[in-house]
């Protein structure tokens, strides 16, 4: 529908979207009709605008016409270049209205808001698992399918996520990127550094709910709990000796091997 007055003369009669040209209105109407008249001649991709098709074709050609004049970063999309430039300017235009969090992308803000609302919009159709990000759901699905798409190129290790593979590669490279700023302790995993910091702070966050025993390590608390449950999961396969601690079993095995401590 045309409204002759004003900067945005064309108005959608379905949702009141306004625009300045008939072409824009025509493109917009396809969001209601589902029409996708532009088709890729190299795959089955279809879209609503010629500009979207032009952008898609770069996934086939590899063309990256948008270049950062600071560091040379190249992109196939102008929007990606705009987002990249914020890494140089420090600009964080998207702000949370419930805390001081700010970010460079609208998607990041949308994900952040789930921390306030508790919303978990992505649901597994095979169990009750729910999460805040589609990428987390994709990783979770591997627990059902058994798929391990990430493979180490130095051994036969395979895993379900790129972060697990990155962590595994440190067993080959010896890299220890996490460093204690108090004593210089270095670790290949951030969780190990967090645990190490308890040796400086004296913090013991793991508490026995039976007797109040406190420990700085979850593993130590599990060992302690066996004093209450009498569980002895470590068993000698020669004589049947049982122990609540692996170290005790190792000591016992020397009675069979004759090894001296």
C-alpha atoms as a PDB file:
ATOM      1  CA  UNK A   1       0.000   0.000   0.000  1.00  0.00           C
ATOM      2  CA  UNK A   2       1.351   3.449  -0.928  1.00  0.00           C
ATOM      3  CA  UNK A   3       1.216   6.448   1.382  1.00  0.00           C
ATOM      4  CA  UNK A   4       2.282   9.491  -0.639  1.00  0.00           C
ATOM      5  CA  UNK A   5       3.506  11.558   2.298  1.00  0.00           C
ATOM      6  CA  UNK A   6       6.576  11.033   4.464  1.00  0.00           C
ATOM      7  CA  UNK A   7      10.048   9.577   3.910  1.00  0.00           C
ATOM      8  CA  UNK A   8       8.755   5.988   4.073  1.00  0.00           C
ATOM      9  CA  UNK A   9       5.871   6.059   1.660  1.00  0.00           C
ATOM     10  CA  UNK A  10       5.315   2.303   1.265  1.00  0.00           C
ATOM     11  CA  UNK A  11       3.663   0.341   4.090  1.00  0.00           C
ATOM     12  CA  UNK A  12       3.080  -3.416   4.374  1.00  0.00           C
ATOM     13  CA  UNK A  13      -0.617  -4.117   4.870  1.00  0.00           C
ATOM     14  CA  UNK A  14       0.210  -7.294   6.843  1.00  0.00           C
ATOM     15  CA  UNK A  15       2.572  -6.013   9.527  1.00  0.00           C
ATOM     16  CA  UNK A  16       2.889  -2.223   8.942  1.00  0.00           C
ATOM     17  CA  UNK A  17       6.539  -2.458   7.842  1.00  0.00           C
ATOM     18  CA  UNK A  18       7.509   0.810   6.178  1.00  0.00           C
ATOM     19  CA  UNK A  19      10.033   1.482   3.418  1.00  0.00           C
ATOM     20  CA  UNK A  20      10.981   4.029   0.801  1.00  0.00           C
ATOM     21  CA  UNK A  21      10.777   2.016  -2.452  1.00  0.00           C
ATOM     22  CA  UNK A  22       8.461  -0.472  -4.108  1.00  0.00           C
ATOM     23  CA  UNK A  23      11.396  -2.885  -4.533  1.00  0.00           C
ATOM     24  CA  UNK A  24      11.995  -2.899  -0.782  1.00  0.00           C
ATOM     25  CA  UNK A  25       8.319  -3.526  -0.128  1.00  0.00           C
ATOM     26  CA  UNK A  26       8.258  -6.329  -2.707  1.00  0.00           C
ATOM     27  CA  UNK A  27      11.256  -7.994  -1.050  1.00  0.00           C
ATOM     28  CA  UNK A  28       9.692  -7.610   2.374  1.00  0.00           C
ATOM     29  CA  UNK A  29       6.413  -9.233   1.281  1.00  0.00           C
ATOM     30  CA  UNK A  30       8.333 -12.456   0.626  1.00  0.00           C
ATOM     31  CA  UNK A  31       8.841 -12.801   4.390  1.00  0.00           C
ATOM     32  CA  UNK A  32       5.076 -13.294   4.541  1.00  0.00           C
ATOM     33  CA  UNK A  33       4.566 -15.349   1.378  1.00  0.00           C
ATOM     34  CA  UNK A  34       7.679 -17.531   1.738  1.00  0.00           C
ATOM     35  CA  UNK A  35       8.556 -16.903  -1.895  1.00  0.00           C
ATOM     36  CA  UNK A  36      12.257 -17.370  -2.770  1.00  0.00           C
ATOM     37  CA  UNK A  37      12.671 -16.463  -6.439  1.00  0.00           C
ATOM     38  CA  UNK A  38      16.498 -16.291  -6.468  1.00  0.00           C
ATOM     39  CA  UNK A  39      18.235 -19.657  -6.874  1.00  0.00           C
ATOM     40  CA  UNK A  40      21.915 -20.662  -6.739  1.00  0.00           C
ATOM     41  CA  UNK A  41      23.011 -22.541  -9.875  1.00  0.00           C
ATOM     42  CA  UNK A  42      25.634 -24.503  -7.916  1.00  0.00           C
ATOM     43  CA  UNK A  43      23.566 -25.852  -5.005  1.00  0.00           C
ATOM     44  CA  UNK A  44      19.978 -25.932  -3.770  1.00  0.00           C
ATOM     45  CA  UNK A  45      20.151 -22.596  -1.932  1.00  0.00           C
ATOM     46  CA  UNK A  46      17.277 -20.193  -2.605  1.00  0.00           C
ATOM     47  CA  UNK A  47      16.596 -16.748  -1.181  1.00  0.00           C
ATOM     48  CA  UNK A  48      14.325 -13.724  -1.286  1.00  0.00           C
ATOM     49  CA  UNK A  49      16.705 -11.053  -2.638  1.00  0.00           C
ATOM     50  CA  UNK A  50      19.352 -10.758  -5.321  1.00  0.00           C
ATOM     51  CA  UNK A  51      21.783  -9.279  -2.799  1.00  0.00           C
ATOM     52  CA  UNK A  52      21.455 -12.379  -0.590  1.00  0.00           C
ATOM     53  CA  UNK A  53      22.162 -14.590  -3.591  1.00  0.00           C
ATOM     54  CA  UNK A  54      25.207 -12.515  -4.517  1.00  0.00           C
ATOM     55  CA  UNK A  55      26.505 -12.876  -0.971  1.00  0.00           C
ATOM     56  CA  UNK A  56      25.836 -16.628  -0.981  1.00  0.00           C
ATOM     57  CA  UNK A  57      27.772 -17.127  -4.237  1.00  0.00           C
ATOM     58  CA  UNK A  58      30.930 -16.089  -2.416  1.00  0.00           C
ATOM     59  CA  UNK A  59      30.724 -19.347  -0.430  1.00  0.00           C
ATOM     60  CA  UNK A  60      31.397 -21.067  -3.763  1.00  0.00           C
ATOM     61  CA  UNK A  61      33.880 -18.622  -5.273  1.00  0.00           C
ATOM     62  CA  UNK A  62      35.798 -17.834  -2.074  1.00  0.00           C
ATOM     63  CA  UNK A  63      35.650 -14.137  -2.920  1.00  0.00           C
ATOM     64  CA  UNK A  64      36.280 -11.803   0.041  1.00  0.00           C
ATOM     65  CA  UNK A  65      35.902  -8.255  -1.244  1.00  0.00           C
ATOM     66  CA  UNK A  66      35.711  -6.505   2.142  1.00  0.00           C
ATOM     67  CA  UNK A  67      39.154  -5.794   3.622  1.00  0.00           C
ATOM     68  CA  UNK A  68      40.185  -4.256   6.956  1.00  0.00           C
ATOM     69  CA  UNK A  69      42.604  -1.386   6.280  1.00  0.00           C
ATOM     70  CA  UNK A  70      44.261  -1.874   9.674  1.00  0.00           C
ATOM     71  CA  UNK A  71      45.209  -5.567   9.764  1.00  0.00           C
ATOM     72  CA  UNK A  72      44.238  -6.957   6.359  1.00  0.00           C
ATOM     73  CA  UNK A  73      41.354  -9.126   7.606  1.00  0.00           C
ATOM     74  CA  UNK A  74      39.162 -10.141   4.668  1.00  0.00           C
ATOM     75  CA  UNK A  75      35.487 -11.040   4.614  1.00  0.00           C
ATOM     76  CA  UNK A  76      32.796 -12.056   2.149  1.00  0.00           C
ATOM     77  CA  UNK A  77      30.222  -9.935   4.007  1.00  0.00           C
ATOM     78  CA  UNK A  78      30.226  -6.238   4.788  1.00  0.00           C
ATOM     79  CA  UNK A  79      28.489  -6.910   8.115  1.00  0.00           C
ATOM     80  CA  UNK A  80      31.331  -9.210   9.158  1.00  0.00           C
ATOM     81  CA  UNK A  81      33.845  -6.471   8.407  1.00  0.00           C
ATOM     82  CA  UNK A  82      31.864  -3.994  10.524  1.00  0.00           C
ATOM     83  CA  UNK A  83      31.876  -6.480  13.423  1.00  0.00           C
ATOM     84  CA  UNK A  84      35.595  -7.118  12.951  1.00  0.00           C
ATOM     85  CA  UNK A  85      36.408  -3.404  13.111  1.00  0.00           C
ATOM     86  CA  UNK A  86      35.141  -3.362  16.680  1.00  0.00           C
ATOM     87  CA  UNK A  87      38.145  -5.499  17.666  1.00  0.00           C
ATOM     88  CA  UNK A  88      40.249  -2.463  16.760  1.00  0.00           C
ATOM     89  CA  UNK A  89      37.990   0.319  18.043  1.00  0.00           C
ATOM     90  CA  UNK A  90      36.838  -1.441  21.199  1.00  0.00           C
ATOM     91  CA  UNK A  91      33.303  -0.360  20.385  1.00  0.00           C
ATOM     92  CA  UNK A  92      30.619  -2.420  22.186  1.00  0.00           C
ATOM     93  CA  UNK A  93      27.312  -0.986  21.009  1.00  0.00           C
ATOM     94  CA  UNK A  94      25.072  -3.692  22.495  1.00  0.00           C
ATOM     95  CA  UNK A  95      24.308  -3.182  26.195  1.00  0.00           C
ATOM     96  CA  UNK A  96      22.396  -5.320  28.693  1.00  0.00           C
ATOM     97  CA  UNK A  97      19.626  -3.368  30.432  1.00  0.00           C
ATOM     98  CA  UNK A  98      19.923  -5.497  33.573  1.00  0.00           C
ATOM     99  CA  UNK A  99      23.675  -5.345  34.271  1.00  0.00           C
ATOM    100  CA  UNK A 100      26.814  -3.662  32.958  1.00  0.00           C
ATOM    101  CA  UNK A 101      27.539  -6.271  30.295  1.00  0.00           C
ATOM    102  CA  UNK A 102      28.311  -4.856  26.849  1.00  0.00           C
ATOM    103  CA  UNK A 103      29.285  -6.661  23.637  1.00  0.00           C
ATOM    104  CA  UNK A 104      30.085  -6.250  19.970  1.00  0.00           C
ATOM    105  CA  UNK A 105      27.285  -8.366  18.462  1.00  0.00           C
ATOM    106  CA  UNK A 106      23.533  -8.567  18.918  1.00  0.00           C
ATOM    107  CA  UNK A 107      23.701 -12.377  19.035  1.00  0.00           C
ATOM    108  CA  UNK A 108      26.103 -12.218  21.988  1.00  0.00           C
ATOM    109  CA  UNK A 109      23.700  -9.941  23.843  1.00  0.00           C
ATOM    110  CA  UNK A 110      20.808 -12.292  23.100  1.00  0.00           C
ATOM    111  CA  UNK A 111      22.781 -15.221  24.554  1.00  0.00           C
ATOM    112  CA  UNK A 112      23.787 -13.150  27.584  1.00  0.00           C
ATOM    113  CA  UNK A 113      20.167 -12.277  28.385  1.00  0.00           C
ATOM    114  CA  UNK A 114      19.498 -15.973  29.018  1.00  0.00           C
ATOM    115  CA  UNK A 115      21.673 -15.644  32.147  1.00  0.00           C
ATOM    116  CA  UNK A 116      19.068 -13.247  33.544  1.00  0.00           C
ATOM    117  CA  UNK A 117      15.897 -14.890  32.276  1.00  0.00           C
ATOM    118  CA  UNK A 118      16.996 -18.491  32.789  1.00  0.00           C
ATOM    119  CA  UNK A 119      15.539 -19.230  29.371  1.00  0.00           C
ATOM    120  CA  UNK A 120      16.858 -22.346  27.643  1.00  0.00           C
ATOM    121  CA  UNK A 121      15.228 -22.279  24.207  1.00  0.00           C
ATOM    122  CA  UNK A 122      17.154 -25.185  22.673  1.00  0.00           C
ATOM    123  CA  UNK A 123      15.783 -28.610  23.626  1.00  0.00           C
ATOM    124  CA  UNK A 124      17.038 -32.115  22.878  1.00  0.00           C
ATOM    125  CA  UNK A 125      14.350 -34.270  21.245  1.00  0.00           C
ATOM    126  CA  UNK A 126      15.808 -37.443  22.760  1.00  0.00           C
ATOM    127  CA  UNK A 127      16.086 -36.478  26.434  1.00  0.00           C
ATOM    128  CA  UNK A 128      15.206 -33.602  28.775  1.00  0.00           C
ATOM    129  CA  UNK A 129      18.417 -31.646  28.163  1.00  0.00           C
ATOM    130  CA  UNK A 130      17.899 -27.951  27.433  1.00  0.00           C
ATOM    131  CA  UNK A 131      20.447 -25.179  26.839  1.00  0.00           C
ATOM    132  CA  UNK A 132      20.878 -21.527  25.940  1.00  0.00           C
ATOM    133  CA  UNK A 133      22.859 -21.922  22.695  1.00  0.00           C
ATOM    134  CA  UNK A 134      22.335 -23.934  19.530  1.00  0.00           C
ATOM    135  CA  UNK A 135      26.046 -24.857  19.503  1.00  0.00           C
ATOM    136  CA  UNK A 136      25.677 -26.450  22.958  1.00  0.00           C
ATOM    137  CA  UNK A 137      22.719 -28.503  21.747  1.00  0.00           C
ATOM    138  CA  UNK A 138      24.715 -29.648  18.720  1.00  0.00           C
ATOM    139  CA  UNK A 139      27.521 -30.853  20.998  1.00  0.00           C
ATOM    140  CA  UNK A 140      25.039 -32.554  23.307  1.00  0.00           C
ATOM    141  CA  UNK A 141      23.520 -34.523  20.441  1.00  0.00           C
ATOM    142  CA  UNK A 142      26.856 -36.300  20.004  1.00  0.00           C
ATOM    143  CA  UNK A 143      26.158 -38.044  23.331  1.00  0.00           C
ATOM    144  CA  UNK A 144      23.200 -39.734  21.639  1.00  0.00           C
ATOM    145  CA  UNK A 145      24.684 -40.365  18.200  1.00  0.00           C
ATOM    146  CA  UNK A 146      28.174 -41.298  19.403  1.00  0.00           C
ATOM    147  CA  UNK A 147      29.581 -39.056  16.683  1.00  0.00           C
ATOM    148  CA  UNK A 148      33.087 -37.722  17.307  1.00  0.00           C
ATOM    149  CA  UNK A 149      33.785 -35.371  14.402  1.00  0.00           C
ATOM    150  CA  UNK A 150      37.000 -33.847  15.767  1.00  0.00           C
ATOM    151  CA  UNK A 151      40.126 -35.957  15.201  1.00  0.00           C
ATOM    152  CA  UNK A 152      43.708 -35.535  16.397  1.00  0.00           C
ATOM    153  CA  UNK A 153      46.213 -35.603  13.504  1.00  0.00           C
ATOM    154  CA  UNK A 154      48.926 -37.043  15.746  1.00  0.00           C
ATOM    155  CA  UNK A 155      47.131 -40.023  17.316  1.00  0.00           C
ATOM    156  CA  UNK A 156      43.808 -41.849  17.133  1.00  0.00           C
ATOM    157  CA  UNK A 157      42.037 -39.604  19.655  1.00  0.00           C
ATOM    158  CA  UNK A 158      38.602 -38.352  18.558  1.00  0.00           C
ATOM    159  CA  UNK A 159      36.132 -36.157  20.429  1.00  0.00           C
ATOM    160  CA  UNK A 160      32.836 -34.339  20.245  1.00  0.00           C
ATOM    161  CA  UNK A 161      33.979 -30.715  20.410  1.00  0.00           C
ATOM    162  CA  UNK A 162      36.741 -28.473  19.099  1.00  0.00           C
ATOM    163  CA  UNK A 163      37.533 -27.296  22.650  1.00  0.00           C
ATOM    164  CA  UNK A 164      38.196 -30.895  23.753  1.00  0.00           C
ATOM    165  CA  UNK A 165      40.499 -31.415  20.777  1.00  0.00           C
ATOM    166  CA  UNK A 166      42.369 -28.189  21.531  1.00  0.00           C
ATOM    167  CA  UNK A 167      42.870 -29.353  25.121  1.00  0.00           C
ATOM    168  CA  UNK A 168      44.022 -32.797  23.956  1.00  0.00           C
ATOM    169  CA  UNK A 169      46.602 -31.333  21.558  1.00  0.00           C
ATOM    170  CA  UNK A 170      48.451 -29.930  24.550  1.00  0.00           C
ATOM    171  CA  UNK A 171      49.332 -33.514  25.527  1.00  0.00           C
ATOM    172  CA  UNK A 172      51.400 -33.567  22.324  1.00  0.00           C
ATOM    173  CA  UNK A 173      52.741 -30.004  22.313  1.00  0.00           C
ATOM    174  CA  UNK A 174      53.363 -29.702  26.053  1.00  0.00           C
ATOM    175  CA  UNK A 175      51.751 -26.264  25.963  1.00  0.00           C
ATOM    176  CA  UNK A 176      50.691 -24.920  29.378  1.00  0.00           C
ATOM    177  CA  UNK A 177      48.972 -21.587  28.725  1.00  0.00           C
ATOM    178  CA  UNK A 178      47.447 -21.131  32.186  1.00  0.00           C
ATOM    179  CA  UNK A 179      49.900 -19.601  34.659  1.00  0.00           C
ATOM    180  CA  UNK A 180      49.572 -18.818  38.374  1.00  0.00           C
ATOM    181  CA  UNK A 181      50.534 -15.166  38.930  1.00  0.00           C
ATOM    182  CA  UNK A 182      51.652 -15.934  42.497  1.00  0.00           C
ATOM    183  CA  UNK A 183      54.099 -18.827  42.144  1.00  0.00           C
ATOM    184  CA  UNK A 184      54.438 -19.429  38.403  1.00  0.00           C
ATOM    185  CA  UNK A 185      52.664 -22.814  38.385  1.00  0.00           C
ATOM    186  CA  UNK A 186      51.667 -23.684  34.823  1.00  0.00           C
ATOM    187  CA  UNK A 187      48.860 -25.896  33.594  1.00  0.00           C
ATOM    188  CA  UNK A 188      47.410 -27.133  30.325  1.00  0.00           C
ATOM    189  CA  UNK A 189      43.857 -26.737  31.641  1.00  0.00           C
ATOM    190  CA  UNK A 190      42.111 -23.763  33.240  1.00  0.00           C
ATOM    191  CA  UNK A 191      40.289 -26.007  35.728  1.00  0.00           C
ATOM    192  CA  UNK A 192      43.642 -27.255  37.032  1.00  0.00           C
ATOM    193  CA  UNK A 193      44.777 -23.669  37.616  1.00  0.00           C
ATOM    194  CA  UNK A 194      41.555 -22.913  39.512  1.00  0.00           C
ATOM    195  CA  UNK A 195      42.200 -25.948  41.730  1.00  0.00           C
ATOM    196  CA  UNK A 196      45.833 -24.918  42.244  1.00  0.00           C
ATOM    197  CA  UNK A 197      44.817 -21.464  43.444  1.00  0.00           C
ATOM    198  CA  UNK A 198      43.224 -23.086  46.518  1.00  0.00           C
ATOM    199  CA  UNK A 199      46.769 -23.847  47.739  1.00  0.00           C
ATOM    200  CA  UNK A 200      47.295 -20.082  47.989  1.00  0.00           C
ATOM    201  CA  UNK A 201      43.862 -19.008  49.225  1.00  0.00           C
ATOM    202  CA  UNK A 202      43.308 -21.912  51.617  1.00  0.00           C
ATOM    203  CA  UNK A 203      39.783 -22.220  50.262  1.00  0.00           C
ATOM    204  CA  UNK A 204      38.099 -25.608  50.689  1.00  0.00           C
ATOM    205  CA  UNK A 205      34.876 -25.455  48.705  1.00  0.00           C
ATOM    206  CA  UNK A 206      34.000 -29.163  48.831  1.00  0.00           C
ATOM    207  CA  UNK A 207      32.176 -30.092  52.034  1.00  0.00           C
ATOM    208  CA  UNK A 208      31.012 -33.475  53.325  1.00  0.00           C
ATOM    209  CA  UNK A 209      27.286 -33.279  54.112  1.00  0.00           C
ATOM    210  CA  UNK A 210      27.637 -35.977  56.783  1.00  0.00           C
ATOM    211  CA  UNK A 211      30.449 -34.761  59.019  1.00  0.00           C
ATOM    212  CA  UNK A 212      31.446 -31.361  57.638  1.00  0.00           C
ATOM    213  CA  UNK A 213      34.891 -32.424  56.420  1.00  0.00           C
ATOM    214  CA  UNK A 214      36.192 -29.826  53.977  1.00  0.00           C
ATOM    215  CA  UNK A 215      38.486 -30.328  51.011  1.00  0.00           C
ATOM    216  CA  UNK A 216      40.061 -28.210  48.299  1.00  0.00           C
ATOM    217  CA  UNK A 217      39.682 -31.020  45.735  1.00  0.00           C
ATOM    218  CA  UNK A 218      36.533 -32.815  44.622  1.00  0.00           C
ATOM    219  CA  UNK A 219      38.540 -36.056  44.270  1.00  0.00           C
ATOM    220  CA  UNK A 220      39.647 -35.807  47.891  1.00  0.00           C
ATOM    221  CA  UNK A 221      36.058 -35.359  49.027  1.00  0.00           C
ATOM    222  CA  UNK A 222      35.029 -38.462  47.079  1.00  0.00           C
ATOM    223  CA  UNK A 223      37.816 -40.431  48.798  1.00  0.00           C
ATOM    224  CA  UNK A 224      36.708 -39.092  52.177  1.00  0.00           C
ATOM    225  CA  UNK A 225      33.086 -40.130  51.561  1.00  0.00           C
ATOM    226  CA  UNK A 226      34.230 -43.754  51.468  1.00  0.00           C
ATOM    227  CA  UNK A 227      34.996 -43.511  55.189  1.00  0.00           C
ATOM    228  CA  UNK A 228      31.232 -43.171  55.603  1.00  0.00           C
ATOM    229  CA  UNK A 229      30.058 -45.580  52.898  1.00  0.00           C
ATOM    230  CA  UNK A 230      32.822 -48.213  53.420  1.00  0.00           C
ATOM    231  CA  UNK A 231      33.067 -48.417  49.623  1.00  0.00           C
ATOM    232  CA  UNK A 232      36.285 -50.063  48.382  1.00  0.00           C
ATOM    233  CA  UNK A 233      36.335 -49.720  44.607  1.00  0.00           C
ATOM    234  CA  UNK A 234      40.014 -50.616  44.110  1.00  0.00           C
ATOM    235  CA  UNK A 235      40.505 -54.398  43.939  1.00  0.00           C
ATOM    236  CA  UNK A 236      43.652 -56.508  43.553  1.00  0.00           C
ATOM    237  CA  UNK A 237      43.168 -58.902  40.626  1.00  0.00           C
ATOM    238  CA  UNK A 238      45.580 -61.404  42.196  1.00  0.00           C
ATOM    239  CA  UNK A 239      44.271 -61.929  45.722  1.00  0.00           C
ATOM    240  CA  UNK A 240      41.085 -59.888  45.946  1.00  0.00           C
ATOM    241  CA  UNK A 241      42.441 -57.260  48.381  1.00  0.00           C
ATOM    242  CA  UNK A 242      40.131 -54.233  48.387  1.00  0.00           C
ATOM    243  CA  UNK A 243      40.858 -50.608  49.207  1.00  0.00           C
ATOM    244  CA  UNK A 244      39.096 -47.264  49.294  1.00  0.00           C
ATOM    245  CA  UNK A 245      42.154 -45.521  47.818  1.00  0.00           C
ATOM    246  CA  UNK A 246      44.125 -46.221  44.654  1.00  0.00           C
ATOM    247  CA  UNK A 247      47.420 -45.354  46.395  1.00  0.00           C
ATOM    248  CA  UNK A 248      46.786 -48.115  48.953  1.00  0.00           C
ATOM    249  CA  UNK A 249      46.188 -50.649  46.191  1.00  0.00           C
ATOM    250  CA  UNK A 250      49.434 -49.642  44.485  1.00  0.00           C
ATOM    251  CA  UNK A 251      51.292 -50.142  47.771  1.00  0.00           C
ATOM    252  CA  UNK A 252      49.637 -53.536  48.234  1.00  0.00           C
ATOM    253  CA  UNK A 253      50.619 -54.696  44.727  1.00  0.00           C
ATOM    254  CA  UNK A 254      54.268 -54.549  45.789  1.00  0.00           C
ATOM    255  CA  UNK A 255      53.617 -57.502  48.080  1.00  0.00           C
ATOM    256  CA  UNK A 256      53.029 -59.522  44.915  1.00  0.00           C
ATOM    257  CA  UNK A 257      55.682 -58.002  42.662  1.00  0.00           C
ATOM    258  CA  UNK A 258      58.434 -57.751  45.296  1.00  0.00           C
ATOM    259  CA  UNK A 259      59.028 -54.166  44.218  1.00  0.00           C
ATOM    260  CA  UNK A 260      60.605 -52.026  46.891  1.00  0.00           C
ATOM    261  CA  UNK A 261      59.137 -48.623  47.581  1.00  0.00           C
END
